Amino acid sequence: MACAKDGPLAILRDDGTVFIAVNGTMPDTPKNRKLLPYAGQRVTATGKEYIRTGLHLLTIETITAAK
């Protein structure tokens, strides 16, 4: 949990794509607060997807535990 508070958390999609959750403003900042309660769990997340400098980014609109 200490590492999660200091660095960006990511979402791993079923196809292997790793998404870094960001706030969508410049400069981008990690959205760990939204992801921290779900660390290590499967989730369903919606938002806008971007690719910047080879990284997949996601602005999270909703996130819930997967069923």
Protein backbone atom coordinates (compact mmCIF):
# COMPACT_ATOMS: atom_id res chain seq x y z
CA MET A 1 0.00 0.00 0.00
CA ALA A 2 2.91 2.36 0.66
CA CYS A 3 4.11 1.94 -2.93
CA ALA A 4 0.60 2.55 -4.23
CA LYS A 5 0.39 5.85 -2.39
CA ASP A 6 3.67 7.10 -3.89
CA GLY A 7 3.54 5.85 -7.48
CA PRO A 8 0.90 5.55 -10.16
CA LEU A 9 -1.47 2.62 -10.02
CA ALA A 10 -2.50 0.92 -13.24
CA ILE A 11 -5.38 -1.09 -14.65
CA LEU A 12 -4.57 -4.25 -16.58
CA ARG A 13 -7.13 -4.95 -19.29
CA ASP A 14 -7.93 -8.56 -20.25
CA ASP A 15 -6.02 -8.15 -23.54
CA GLY A 16 -2.83 -7.24 -21.62
CA THR A 17 -3.00 -3.46 -22.15
CA VAL A 18 -1.86 -1.53 -19.08
CA PHE A 19 -3.62 1.78 -18.41
CA ILE A 20 -2.35 4.52 -16.12
CA ALA A 21 -5.25 6.44 -14.61
CA VAL A 22 -4.85 10.22 -14.96
CA ASN A 23 -6.96 13.28 -14.26
CA GLY A 24 -7.00 14.53 -17.87
CA THR A 25 -5.49 17.94 -17.18
CA MET A 26 -1.99 19.19 -17.83
CA PRO A 27 0.21 18.19 -16.24
CA ASP A 28 -1.34 14.74 -15.84
CA THR A 29 -1.34 13.42 -12.32
CA PRO A 30 -2.10 9.88 -11.15
CA LYS A 31 -5.60 9.12 -9.88
CA ASN A 32 -4.54 6.76 -7.10
CA ARG A 33 -7.36 7.82 -4.78
CA LYS A 34 -9.94 6.33 -7.13
CA LEU A 35 -7.94 3.13 -7.67
CA LEU A 36 -6.52 2.47 -4.21
CA PRO A 37 -9.72 0.87 -2.79
CA TYR A 38 -9.61 -1.64 -5.67
CA ALA A 39 -5.91 -2.54 -5.56
CA GLY A 40 -5.45 -6.19 -6.50
CA GLN A 41 -9.09 -6.63 -7.56
CA ARG A 42 -10.87 -6.96 -10.90
CA VAL A 43 -12.73 -3.77 -11.78
CA THR A 44 -15.01 -2.33 -14.42
CA ALA A 45 -13.87 1.16 -15.35
CA THR A 46 -15.21 3.68 -17.84
CA GLY A 47 -13.56 6.83 -19.09
CA LYS A 48 -11.69 8.38 -21.96
CA GLU A 49 -8.69 6.51 -23.33
CA TYR A 50 -5.54 8.24 -24.61
CA ILE A 51 -2.16 7.14 -25.87
CA ARG A 52 0.68 9.54 -25.11
CA THR A 53 4.36 8.76 -25.72
CA GLY A 54 3.49 5.08 -25.96
CA LEU A 55 1.62 4.96 -22.66
CA HIS A 56 -2.06 4.08 -22.43
CA LEU A 57 -3.85 6.57 -20.18
CA LEU A 58 -7.41 6.51 -18.84
CA THR A 59 -9.41 9.32 -17.30
CA ILE A 60 -11.68 7.37 -14.96
CA GLU A 61 -15.31 8.43 -15.02
CA THR A 62 -16.65 5.42 -13.11
CA ILE A 63 -15.02 2.46 -11.41
CA THR A 64 -16.68 -0.47 -9.63
CA ALA A 65 -15.69 -3.90 -8.47
CA ALA A 66 -16.19 -6.44 -11.27
CA LYS A 67 -18.92 -9.03 -10.82
